[in-house]
Amino acid sequence: MKSFGLLSVAFAAALAVACGGDGRDADVNNPANDNAAVGTAGSDTAASANRAGSARMNSWVEDRLMGGMAEVKLGELASTKAQNAHVKAFGRTMVQDHTKAGEELKQIASQLNIQPPVQLDDDHRDKVERLSKLQGAEFDREYINMMVDDHEKTLNALEDRLEKQGDDENPRYTPKTSDDPSESRLNRWAAQTVPTVRQHLQKARQLDEKLGRGLTNDNER
């Protein structure tokens, strides 16, 4: 009798498993569980998007800080090594303006827990080293060429965070709206900084044209 009882229990357990009695097969076909799975996937997607957005923001801040640090270093070189008096003055302006903008952005970076760079990366260090080996008119031309290129890139980066109205000669900028307070803060900084960057670019282009024509301090207008 005991053997028959054990066999009956074993048969009942096997039948329960075959019919989903352990609950596992039933869970697979349960719409509620499907919804839970979708909800988890949606949360993971949102979290991934947030991480990607945060990474882009951090990269943007780090790039602006790195570029500003390079402008200061290059400006210091120009203020002492440039042959042309206007190029020297331009270098001093770069040191002053980019130091100010950099300090303002560093304050925002600190609030966002973004560590500012403490030294130039390889690309910017190569620029400084290459320029430091030049002299006279060759130095002036290379430095101003760099300034035109760098400020065009910086202007494009700033404009990505701004709404632009008007034409290219007389644009008006407002910060892009964002539900993210950190993004809004950076957009406002971009709006405050863009007029100075445009002035730098305009002056650099003027100097580039003059230096290209071979003008000296004596015959510049």
Protein backbone atom coordinates (compact mmCIF):
# COMPACT_ATOMS: atom_id res chain seq x y z
CA MET A 1 0.00 0.00 0.00
CA LYS A 2 2.83 2.42 0.79
CA SER A 3 4.39 1.76 -2.63
CA PHE A 4 1.08 2.43 -4.34
CA GLY A 5 0.67 5.68 -2.41
CA LEU A 6 4.13 6.91 -3.41
CA LEU A 7 3.49 6.09 -7.04
CA SER A 8 0.23 8.04 -6.92
CA VAL A 9 1.97 11.10 -5.49
CA ALA A 10 4.73 10.90 -8.12
CA PHE A 11 2.16 10.59 -10.90
CA ALA A 12 0.22 13.58 -9.60
CA ALA A 13 3.41 15.68 -9.45
CA ALA A 14 4.35 14.69 -13.00
CA LEU A 15 0.87 15.58 -14.23
CA ALA A 16 1.06 18.97 -12.50
CA VAL A 17 4.36 19.76 -14.17
CA ALA A 18 3.05 18.70 -17.56
CA CYS A 19 0.02 20.96 -17.15
CA GLY A 20 2.01 23.93 -15.85
CA GLY A 21 1.19 23.17 -12.25
CA ASP A 22 4.52 24.66 -11.03
CA GLY A 23 3.46 28.06 -12.37
CA ARG A 24 6.35 28.59 -14.75
CA ASP A 25 4.52 27.90 -18.00
CA ALA A 26 1.53 29.82 -16.72
CA ASP A 27 3.76 32.87 -16.12
CA VAL A 28 4.94 32.80 -19.70
CA ASN A 29 1.37 33.03 -20.98
CA ASN A 30 0.29 35.62 -18.40
CA PRO A 31 -0.36 39.03 -20.04
CA ALA A 32 0.54 40.75 -16.79
CA ASN A 33 4.04 39.29 -16.98
CA ASP A 34 4.35 40.45 -20.61
CA ASN A 35 3.53 43.95 -19.47
CA ALA A 36 6.08 43.75 -16.69
CA ALA A 37 8.74 42.69 -19.18
CA VAL A 38 7.89 45.57 -21.49
CA GLY A 39 7.99 48.00 -18.58
CA THR A 40 11.46 46.81 -17.62
CA ALA A 41 12.69 47.15 -21.20
CA GLY A 42 11.24 50.65 -21.38
CA SER A 43 12.98 51.63 -18.16
CA ASP A 44 16.27 50.26 -19.43
CA THR A 45 15.89 52.21 -22.68
CA ALA A 46 15.16 55.44 -20.81
CA ALA A 47 18.13 54.87 -18.51
CA SER A 48 20.40 54.24 -21.51
CA ALA A 49 19.15 57.41 -23.19
CA ASN A 50 19.81 59.40 -20.01
CA ARG A 51 23.34 58.01 -19.77
CA ALA A 52 24.01 58.82 -23.42
CA GLY A 53 22.68 62.36 -22.95
CA SER A 54 24.82 62.84 -19.87
CA ALA A 55 27.90 61.56 -21.70
CA ARG A 56 27.30 63.99 -24.58
CA MET A 57 26.88 66.88 -22.17
CA ASN A 58 30.07 65.99 -20.30
CA SER A 59 31.98 65.67 -23.55
CA TRP A 60 30.70 69.06 -24.74
CA VAL A 61 31.81 70.75 -21.51
CA GLU A 62 35.21 69.06 -21.54
CA ASP A 63 35.78 70.03 -25.19
CA ARG A 64 34.92 73.67 -24.50
CA LEU A 65 37.21 73.78 -21.47
CA MET A 66 40.03 72.11 -23.36
CA GLY A 67 39.65 74.47 -26.29
CA GLY A 68 39.60 77.49 -24.00
CA MET A 69 42.74 76.33 -22.21
CA ALA A 70 44.48 75.97 -25.57
CA GLU A 71 43.39 79.47 -26.65
CA VAL A 72 44.98 80.89 -23.49
CA LYS A 73 48.25 79.01 -24.07
CA LEU A 74 48.41 80.04 -27.72
CA GLY A 75 47.47 83.61 -26.84
CA GLU A 76 50.31 83.77 -24.33
CA LEU A 77 52.71 82.71 -27.07
CA ALA A 78 51.34 85.29 -29.48
CA SER A 79 51.52 88.12 -26.96
CA THR A 80 55.28 87.60 -26.66
CA LYS A 81 56.42 86.06 -29.98
CA ALA A 82 54.25 87.74 -32.61
CA GLN A 83 55.98 90.18 -34.94
CA ASN A 84 52.84 92.06 -35.90
CA ALA A 85 51.55 94.45 -33.20
CA HIS A 86 47.93 93.62 -34.02
CA VAL A 87 48.61 89.92 -33.66
CA LYS A 88 50.24 90.57 -30.29
CA ALA A 89 47.18 92.52 -29.16
CA PHE A 90 44.90 89.77 -30.43
CA GLY A 91 46.86 87.23 -28.39
CA ARG A 92 46.41 89.30 -25.24
CA THR A 93 42.68 89.50 -25.93
CA MET A 94 42.52 85.72 -26.26
CA VAL A 95 44.17 85.26 -22.87
CA GLN A 96 41.81 87.69 -21.18
CA ASP A 97 38.53 86.63 -22.77
CA HIS A 98 39.07 82.87 -22.76
CA THR A 99 40.29 82.91 -19.16
CA LYS A 100 37.07 84.66 -18.15
CA ALA A 101 34.80 82.34 -20.15
CA GLY A 102 36.71 79.30 -18.89
CA GLU A 103 36.30 80.28 -15.25
CA GLU A 104 32.57 80.73 -15.74
CA LEU A 105 32.26 77.33 -17.39
CA LYS A 106 34.38 75.70 -14.67
CA GLN A 107 31.87 76.90 -12.08
CA ILE A 108 29.06 75.24 -14.03
CA ALA A 109 31.15 72.09 -14.50
CA SER A 110 31.73 71.91 -10.74
CA GLN A 111 27.98 72.11 -10.11
CA LEU A 112 27.47 69.27 -12.61
CA ASN A 113 30.27 67.17 -11.06
CA ILE A 114 32.30 67.37 -14.27
CA GLN A 115 36.04 67.34 -13.68
CA PRO A 116 37.74 70.03 -15.79
CA PRO A 117 40.93 69.06 -17.66
CA VAL A 118 44.15 69.97 -15.88
CA GLN A 119 46.41 69.80 -18.93
CA LEU A 120 46.17 69.95 -22.70
CA ASP A 121 45.48 66.79 -24.67
CA ASP A 122 47.90 65.58 -27.34
CA ASP A 123 46.28 67.44 -30.25
CA HIS A 124 46.31 70.83 -28.54
CA ARG A 125 49.76 70.27 -27.06
CA ASP A 126 51.06 69.55 -30.57
CA LYS A 127 49.62 72.89 -31.74
CA VAL A 128 51.38 74.76 -28.97
CA GLU A 129 54.68 72.99 -29.63
CA ARG A 130 54.47 73.53 -33.39
CA LEU A 131 53.71 77.21 -32.99
CA SER A 132 56.45 77.74 -30.41
CA LYS A 133 59.08 76.70 -32.99
CA LEU A 134 58.06 79.41 -35.47
CA GLN A 135 59.32 82.98 -35.66
CA GLY A 136 58.34 86.34 -37.13
CA ALA A 137 55.83 86.56 -39.96
CA GLU A 138 55.60 82.77 -40.23
CA PHE A 139 54.50 82.61 -36.60
CA ASP A 140 51.91 85.34 -37.15
CA ARG A 141 50.34 83.65 -40.17
CA GLU A 142 50.21 80.21 -38.56
CA TYR A 143 48.77 81.56 -35.32
CA ILE A 144 46.01 83.52 -37.04
CA ASN A 145 45.20 80.55 -39.27
CA MET A 146 44.73 78.50 -36.12
CA MET A 147 42.52 81.17 -34.62
CA VAL A 148 40.23 81.28 -37.63
CA ASP A 149 39.87 77.50 -37.66
CA ASP A 150 39.44 77.13 -33.90
CA HIS A 151 36.87 79.90 -33.59
CA GLU A 152 34.81 78.55 -36.48
CA LYS A 153 34.62 75.20 -34.68
CA THR A 154 33.82 76.85 -31.36
CA LEU A 155 31.08 78.97 -32.92
CA ASN A 156 29.46 75.88 -34.43
CA ALA A 157 29.57 74.10 -31.06
CA LEU A 158 27.96 77.04 -29.28
CA GLU A 159 25.27 77.45 -31.95
CA ASP A 160 24.19 73.85 -31.39
CA ARG A 161 22.81 75.02 -28.03
CA LEU A 162 21.16 78.16 -29.35
CA GLU A 163 18.21 79.35 -31.37
CA LYS A 164 19.45 81.67 -34.11
CA GLN A 165 17.38 84.43 -35.68
CA GLY A 166 18.33 86.99 -38.27
CA ASP A 167 20.99 86.69 -40.96
CA ASP A 168 24.60 85.59 -40.64
CA GLU A 169 25.81 89.19 -40.52
CA ASN A 170 23.54 90.23 -37.65
CA PRO A 171 22.32 87.11 -35.88
CA ARG A 172 20.34 87.10 -32.64
CA TYR A 173 20.76 84.20 -30.27
CA THR A 174 18.60 82.79 -27.50
CA PRO A 175 19.28 79.65 -25.45
CA LYS A 176 17.46 76.53 -26.53
CA THR A 177 14.80 75.47 -24.05
CA SER A 178 15.29 72.22 -22.17
CA ASP A 179 13.53 70.33 -19.38
CA ASP A 180 16.97 69.43 -18.03
CA PRO A 181 18.25 72.19 -15.71
CA SER A 182 21.87 71.26 -16.48
CA GLU A 183 21.33 71.58 -20.22
CA SER A 184 19.54 74.90 -19.71
CA ARG A 185 22.46 76.22 -17.67
CA LEU A 186 24.92 75.32 -20.43
CA ASN A 187 22.66 76.82 -23.07
CA ARG A 188 22.61 80.11 -21.19
CA TRP A 189 26.40 80.08 -20.94
CA ALA A 190 26.61 79.48 -24.68
CA ALA A 191 24.31 82.45 -25.32
CA GLN A 192 26.45 84.68 -23.12
CA THR A 193 29.69 83.51 -24.76
CA VAL A 194 28.76 83.47 -28.45
CA PRO A 195 28.99 87.26 -29.07
CA THR A 196 32.62 87.30 -27.91
CA VAL A 197 33.50 84.26 -30.02
CA ARG A 198 31.95 85.92 -33.07
CA GLN A 199 34.03 89.05 -32.43
CA HIS A 200 37.18 86.94 -32.14
CA LEU A 201 36.39 85.14 -35.39
CA GLN A 202 35.70 88.38 -37.24
CA LYS A 203 38.97 89.93 -36.03
CA ALA A 204 40.94 86.77 -36.84
CA ARG A 205 39.57 86.74 -40.38
CA GLN A 206 40.51 90.40 -40.84
CA LEU A 207 44.04 89.72 -39.63
CA ASP A 208 44.28 86.63 -41.80
CA GLU A 209 43.39 88.70 -44.85
CA LYS A 210 45.91 91.42 -43.98
CA LEU A 211 48.70 88.97 -43.28
CA GLY A 212 47.91 87.16 -46.51
CA ARG A 213 48.48 90.41 -48.38
CA GLY A 214 51.84 90.76 -46.67
CA LEU A 215 50.99 93.94 -44.77
CA THR A 216 53.42 95.08 -42.08
CA ASN A 217 52.94 97.34 -39.09
CA ASP A 218 54.02 100.33 -41.19
CA ASN A 219 51.50 100.00 -43.99
CA GLU A 220 48.48 98.39 -42.31
CA ARG A 221 45.22 100.28 -42.38
